[in-house]
Amino acid sequence: MSFLLPKLTCKREVDQAIKSVAEKVLVLRFGRDNDAVCLQLDDILAKTSHDLSKMAVIYLVDVDNVPVYTQYFDISYIPSTVFFFNGQHMKVDYGSPDHTKFVGSFKTKQDFIDLIEVIYRGAMRGKLIVRSPIDPNNIPKYDLLYQGI
């Protein structure tokens, strides 16, 4: 399903998307097109993109094409999904140590839709961090690689 969503192939395109998407949540999925979990996430993103078209714009970014952003957002696990609103990085409290990105795939389409709605409403009220509406059991668990360094 990744062929249904637009791709950003270089740092300049990612920068342009962050600057130009206004009054909508910008969703950047960092991953690889041939990864099984990325394909599962892409399927959910593609199926919800039309329903969320008034609130969000979704792009796919290959981690190998934009090493600057891969390093900046500390993307060690793929897929990782990062959110922006009017050029501002939106953080989400998932109940995990990392609020900068969602790691892994969403369990259901409704989880993704609920998250976008919460980010959109919070951003419209000027918030830079919102609490995740996703059931904690549906959030993938992972260990931070830099933990204990």
C-alpha atoms as a PDB file:
ATOM      1  CA  MET A   1       0.000   0.000   0.000  1.00  0.00           C
ATOM      2  CA  SER A   2       2.997   2.318   0.237  1.00  0.00           C
ATOM      3  CA  PHE A   3       2.539   3.182  -3.451  1.00  0.00           C
ATOM      4  CA  LEU A   4      -0.730   4.992  -2.573  1.00  0.00           C
ATOM      5  CA  LEU A   5       0.970   7.596  -0.377  1.00  0.00           C
ATOM      6  CA  PRO A   6       3.341  10.355  -1.526  1.00  0.00           C
ATOM      7  CA  LYS A   7       7.035   9.916  -0.759  1.00  0.00           C
ATOM      8  CA  LEU A   8       9.631  12.480   0.240  1.00  0.00           C
ATOM      9  CA  THR A   9      12.998  11.438  -1.164  1.00  0.00           C
ATOM     10  CA  CYS A  10      15.486  14.022   0.110  1.00  0.00           C
ATOM     11  CA  LYS A  11      16.117  16.458   2.952  1.00  0.00           C
ATOM     12  CA  ARG A  12      14.962  19.426   0.855  1.00  0.00           C
ATOM     13  CA  GLU A  13      11.561  17.819   0.217  1.00  0.00           C
ATOM     14  CA  VAL A  14      11.117  17.029   3.923  1.00  0.00           C
ATOM     15  CA  ASP A  15      12.061  20.622   4.840  1.00  0.00           C
ATOM     16  CA  GLN A  16       9.592  21.951   2.254  1.00  0.00           C
ATOM     17  CA  ALA A  17       6.776  19.749   3.585  1.00  0.00           C
ATOM     18  CA  ILE A  18       7.399  20.871   7.171  1.00  0.00           C
ATOM     19  CA  LYS A  19       7.368  24.546   6.129  1.00  0.00           C
ATOM     20  CA  SER A  20       4.460  24.421   3.685  1.00  0.00           C
ATOM     21  CA  VAL A  21       1.798  22.241   5.357  1.00  0.00           C
ATOM     22  CA  ALA A  22      -0.430  24.743   7.169  1.00  0.00           C
ATOM     23  CA  GLU A  23      -3.411  24.212   9.506  1.00  0.00           C
ATOM     24  CA  LYS A  24      -3.082  20.416   9.193  1.00  0.00           C
ATOM     25  CA  VAL A  25      -1.124  17.743  11.010  1.00  0.00           C
ATOM     26  CA  LEU A  26       1.888  16.650   8.981  1.00  0.00           C
ATOM     27  CA  VAL A  27       2.524  12.917   9.419  1.00  0.00           C
ATOM     28  CA  LEU A  28       5.975  11.674   8.424  1.00  0.00           C
ATOM     29  CA  ARG A  29       6.424   7.886   8.430  1.00  0.00           C
ATOM     30  CA  PHE A  30      10.127   7.074   8.581  1.00  0.00           C
ATOM     31  CA  GLY A  31      10.890   3.528   7.448  1.00  0.00           C
ATOM     32  CA  ARG A  32      11.638   1.358   4.431  1.00  0.00           C
ATOM     33  CA  ASP A  33       9.259   0.277   1.660  1.00  0.00           C
ATOM     34  CA  ASN A  34      10.330  -3.375   1.866  1.00  0.00           C
ATOM     35  CA  ASP A  35       9.965  -3.792   5.659  1.00  0.00           C
ATOM     36  CA  ALA A  36       6.985  -5.927   6.773  1.00  0.00           C
ATOM     37  CA  VAL A  37       5.982  -3.704   9.714  1.00  0.00           C
ATOM     38  CA  CYS A  38       6.317  -0.587   7.547  1.00  0.00           C
ATOM     39  CA  LEU A  39       4.012  -2.159   4.969  1.00  0.00           C
ATOM     40  CA  GLN A  40       1.470  -2.920   7.708  1.00  0.00           C
ATOM     41  CA  LEU A  41       1.623   0.705   8.897  1.00  0.00           C
ATOM     42  CA  ASP A  42       1.455   2.020   5.312  1.00  0.00           C
ATOM     43  CA  ASP A  43      -1.735   0.021   4.809  1.00  0.00           C
ATOM     44  CA  ILE A  44      -3.340   1.753   7.814  1.00  0.00           C
ATOM     45  CA  LEU A  45      -2.073   5.180   6.710  1.00  0.00           C
ATOM     46  CA  ALA A  46      -3.340   4.684   3.141  1.00  0.00           C
ATOM     47  CA  LYS A  47      -6.776   3.514   4.278  1.00  0.00           C
ATOM     48  CA  THR A  48      -7.218   6.493   6.631  1.00  0.00           C
ATOM     49  CA  SER A  49      -5.619   9.235   4.510  1.00  0.00           C
ATOM     50  CA  HIS A  50      -8.880  10.092   2.720  1.00  0.00           C
ATOM     51  CA  ASP A  51     -10.903  10.180   5.964  1.00  0.00           C
ATOM     52  CA  LEU A  52      -8.323  12.455   7.584  1.00  0.00           C
ATOM     53  CA  SER A  53      -7.716  14.694   4.556  1.00  0.00           C
ATOM     54  CA  LYS A  54      -9.205  17.767   6.287  1.00  0.00           C
ATOM     55  CA  MET A  55      -6.966  17.292   9.345  1.00  0.00           C
ATOM     56  CA  ALA A  56      -3.748  15.641   8.149  1.00  0.00           C
ATOM     57  CA  VAL A  57      -1.269  15.218   5.315  1.00  0.00           C
ATOM     58  CA  ILE A  58       0.670  11.940   5.261  1.00  0.00           C
ATOM     59  CA  TYR A  59       4.095  11.383   3.662  1.00  0.00           C
ATOM     60  CA  LEU A  60       6.435   8.417   3.613  1.00  0.00           C
ATOM     61  CA  VAL A  61      10.147   9.023   4.159  1.00  0.00           C
ATOM     62  CA  ASP A  62      12.822   6.387   3.541  1.00  0.00           C
ATOM     63  CA  VAL A  63      15.317   6.444   6.433  1.00  0.00           C
ATOM     64  CA  ASP A  64      18.202   5.764   4.040  1.00  0.00           C
ATOM     65  CA  ASN A  65      17.449   8.885   1.945  1.00  0.00           C
ATOM     66  CA  VAL A  66      17.404  11.422   4.796  1.00  0.00           C
ATOM     67  CA  PRO A  67      20.126  10.464   7.307  1.00  0.00           C
ATOM     68  CA  VAL A  68      20.016  13.999   8.763  1.00  0.00           C
ATOM     69  CA  TYR A  69      16.434  13.538   9.998  1.00  0.00           C
ATOM     70  CA  THR A  70      17.022   9.902  10.914  1.00  0.00           C
ATOM     71  CA  GLN A  71      19.785  11.032  13.257  1.00  0.00           C
ATOM     72  CA  TYR A  72      17.962  14.178  14.459  1.00  0.00           C
ATOM     73  CA  PHE A  73      14.859  12.246  15.557  1.00  0.00           C
ATOM     74  CA  ASP A  74      16.997   9.329  16.832  1.00  0.00           C
ATOM     75  CA  ILE A  75      15.207   6.846  14.605  1.00  0.00           C
ATOM     76  CA  SER A  76      16.730   3.524  15.610  1.00  0.00           C
ATOM     77  CA  TYR A  77      13.569   1.447  15.166  1.00  0.00           C
ATOM     78  CA  ILE A  78      11.406   1.505  12.058  1.00  0.00           C
ATOM     79  CA  PRO A  79       8.739   2.415  11.349  1.00  0.00           C
ATOM     80  CA  SER A  80       8.741   5.629  13.354  1.00  0.00           C
ATOM     81  CA  THR A  81       6.034   8.226  12.849  1.00  0.00           C
ATOM     82  CA  VAL A  82       6.705  11.913  13.583  1.00  0.00           C
ATOM     83  CA  PHE A  83       4.041  14.649  13.724  1.00  0.00           C
ATOM     84  CA  PHE A  84       4.199  18.379  12.928  1.00  0.00           C
ATOM     85  CA  PHE A  85       1.681  21.218  12.940  1.00  0.00           C
ATOM     86  CA  ASN A  86       2.427  24.547  11.220  1.00  0.00           C
ATOM     87  CA  GLY A  87       6.145  23.733  11.172  1.00  0.00           C
ATOM     88  CA  GLN A  88       6.184  22.901  14.888  1.00  0.00           C
ATOM     89  CA  HIS A  89       7.165  19.405  16.059  1.00  0.00           C
ATOM     90  CA  MET A  90       4.227  17.924  17.985  1.00  0.00           C
ATOM     91  CA  LYS A  91       5.040  15.632  20.894  1.00  0.00           C
ATOM     92  CA  VAL A  92       2.701  12.951  22.226  1.00  0.00           C
ATOM     93  CA  ASP A  93       2.794  11.332  25.669  1.00  0.00           C
ATOM     94  CA  TYR A  94       2.360   7.617  24.946  1.00  0.00           C
ATOM     95  CA  GLY A  95       3.275   6.599  28.484  1.00  0.00           C
ATOM     96  CA  SER A  96       6.782   5.748  27.283  1.00  0.00           C
ATOM     97  CA  PRO A  97      10.086   7.618  27.804  1.00  0.00           C
ATOM     98  CA  ASP A  98      10.072   8.974  24.220  1.00  0.00           C
ATOM     99  CA  HIS A  99       7.468  11.636  23.331  1.00  0.00           C
ATOM    100  CA  THR A 100       9.003  12.675  19.998  1.00  0.00           C
ATOM    101  CA  LYS A 101       7.740   9.833  17.789  1.00  0.00           C
ATOM    102  CA  PHE A 102       5.458   6.797  17.609  1.00  0.00           C
ATOM    103  CA  VAL A 103       7.509   3.655  17.102  1.00  0.00           C
ATOM    104  CA  GLY A 104       5.973   0.641  15.362  1.00  0.00           C
ATOM    105  CA  SER A 105       2.642   0.165  13.655  1.00  0.00           C
ATOM    106  CA  PHE A 106      -0.776   1.126  14.941  1.00  0.00           C
ATOM    107  CA  LYS A 107      -2.933  -1.874  15.900  1.00  0.00           C
ATOM    108  CA  THR A 108      -6.085  -0.473  14.286  1.00  0.00           C
ATOM    109  CA  LYS A 109      -7.110   2.294  11.902  1.00  0.00           C
ATOM    110  CA  GLN A 110      -9.202   3.802  14.706  1.00  0.00           C
ATOM    111  CA  ASP A 111      -6.106   4.180  16.930  1.00  0.00           C
ATOM    112  CA  PHE A 112      -4.435   6.272  14.220  1.00  0.00           C
ATOM    113  CA  ILE A 113      -7.575   8.333  13.556  1.00  0.00           C
ATOM    114  CA  ASP A 114      -8.020   9.047  17.291  1.00  0.00           C
ATOM    115  CA  LEU A 115      -4.373  10.089  17.618  1.00  0.00           C
ATOM    116  CA  ILE A 116      -4.578  12.510  14.670  1.00  0.00           C
ATOM    117  CA  GLU A 117      -7.773  14.055  16.088  1.00  0.00           C
ATOM    118  CA  VAL A 118      -6.138  14.602  19.497  1.00  0.00           C
ATOM    119  CA  ILE A 119      -2.989  16.096  17.942  1.00  0.00           C
ATOM    120  CA  TYR A 120      -5.060  18.354  15.657  1.00  0.00           C
ATOM    121  CA  ARG A 121      -7.314  19.626  18.451  1.00  0.00           C
ATOM    122  CA  GLY A 122      -4.377  20.145  20.807  1.00  0.00           C
ATOM    123  CA  ALA A 123      -2.382  21.982  18.147  1.00  0.00           C
ATOM    124  CA  MET A 124      -5.348  24.240  17.328  1.00  0.00           C
ATOM    125  CA  ARG A 125      -5.356  25.238  21.018  1.00  0.00           C
ATOM    126  CA  GLY A 126      -1.623  25.978  20.924  1.00  0.00           C
ATOM    127  CA  LYS A 127      -0.413  22.873  22.745  1.00  0.00           C
ATOM    128  CA  LEU A 128       2.941  21.369  21.772  1.00  0.00           C
ATOM    129  CA  ILE A 129       2.422  18.088  23.642  1.00  0.00           C
ATOM    130  CA  VAL A 130      -0.767  16.038  23.953  1.00  0.00           C
ATOM    131  CA  ARG A 131      -1.699  12.828  25.765  1.00  0.00           C
ATOM    132  CA  SER A 132      -2.197   9.783  23.561  1.00  0.00           C
ATOM    133  CA  PRO A 133      -5.784   8.492  23.317  1.00  0.00           C
ATOM    134  CA  ILE A 134      -4.508   5.017  22.342  1.00  0.00           C
ATOM    135  CA  ASP A 135      -5.028   2.172  24.799  1.00  0.00           C
ATOM    136  CA  PRO A 136      -1.602   1.479  26.422  1.00  0.00           C
ATOM    137  CA  ASN A 137      -2.001  -2.200  25.485  1.00  0.00           C
ATOM    138  CA  ASN A 138      -2.016  -1.175  21.797  1.00  0.00           C
ATOM    139  CA  ILE A 139       1.252   0.778  22.016  1.00  0.00           C
ATOM    140  CA  PRO A 140       4.315  -1.278  21.044  1.00  0.00           C
ATOM    141  CA  LYS A 141       6.903  -1.594  23.822  1.00  0.00           C
ATOM    142  CA  TYR A 142      10.593  -1.150  23.086  1.00  0.00           C
ATOM    143  CA  ASP A 143      13.784  -0.330  24.976  1.00  0.00           C
ATOM    144  CA  LEU A 144      15.654   2.872  24.291  1.00  0.00           C
ATOM    145  CA  LEU A 145      19.051   2.105  22.813  1.00  0.00           C
ATOM    146  CA  TYR A 146      20.816   4.970  24.609  1.00  0.00           C
ATOM    147  CA  GLN A 147      19.404   3.972  27.993  1.00  0.00           C
ATOM    148  CA  GLY A 148      22.104   3.625  30.652  1.00  0.00           C
ATOM    149  CA  ILE A 149      24.866   5.314  28.647  1.00  0.00           C
END
